[in-house]
Amino acid sequence: MADFQIAYEWMMNFEDRAREYAVVPDPGGSAISGINSAAWPEQYQIITNIPQSNPDRGTLVEAFYRQYIWNEWLAALDSDEVAKRVFDASVNMGSGTAVRLLQGAVNETFPGGGLIAEDGEFGTATVAGVNACGSDALVYDFQQARVAHYQAIVAANPADAKYLPAWTARAQA
């Protein structure tokens, strides 16, 4: 079973390495530790109501990620190496996209391919497929899928090219 704390710490090293829980500019608004004001307005407001210096702010950030991003399917994965990367991708690009890329990586990794539907829905088939793959090979294929996804974003919107080096580094970590 994958460990939430391992995945959370991994993701936070990208979203808020110093654990400052500060408000920062983000596309479409602002964010605290990756929690975007446009995507999560109510949850974001609850966190901003707590002063940045109050330790409860960090506790609320962690609780947000446990409630809204972590799920039973991530917990059911055998590999923390896979789970932390899928969790991180879910934060960075949305859960549906992250799961669709994971499913594609499973199909790429699994001998014979085509093991599971690439529908962006986490479920028993996706978990079984992930757990049937060797984690090292699956991590590599998932990293490659993330990089290709970011490259496609930039190809469609060249103004986003400024983000590509950081996105690529994050995907390849």
Foldseek 3Di string as FASTA:
>chain_A
DADLVLLVLLLLCLQPVPLQQDWADDVPGTDGSLRDCVVCVVLRVVLVVDDSPDVVSSVSVSVCLVPPQDDPLLVLAPDNLVSSLLSNCCSVPNQLVSLLLLLQLLQVQDVVGPQDDSRSDRDDSSRVSNNVGDVVSSLVSSLVSQLVVLVVVCVVPVVCVVCNVVSNVSSVD
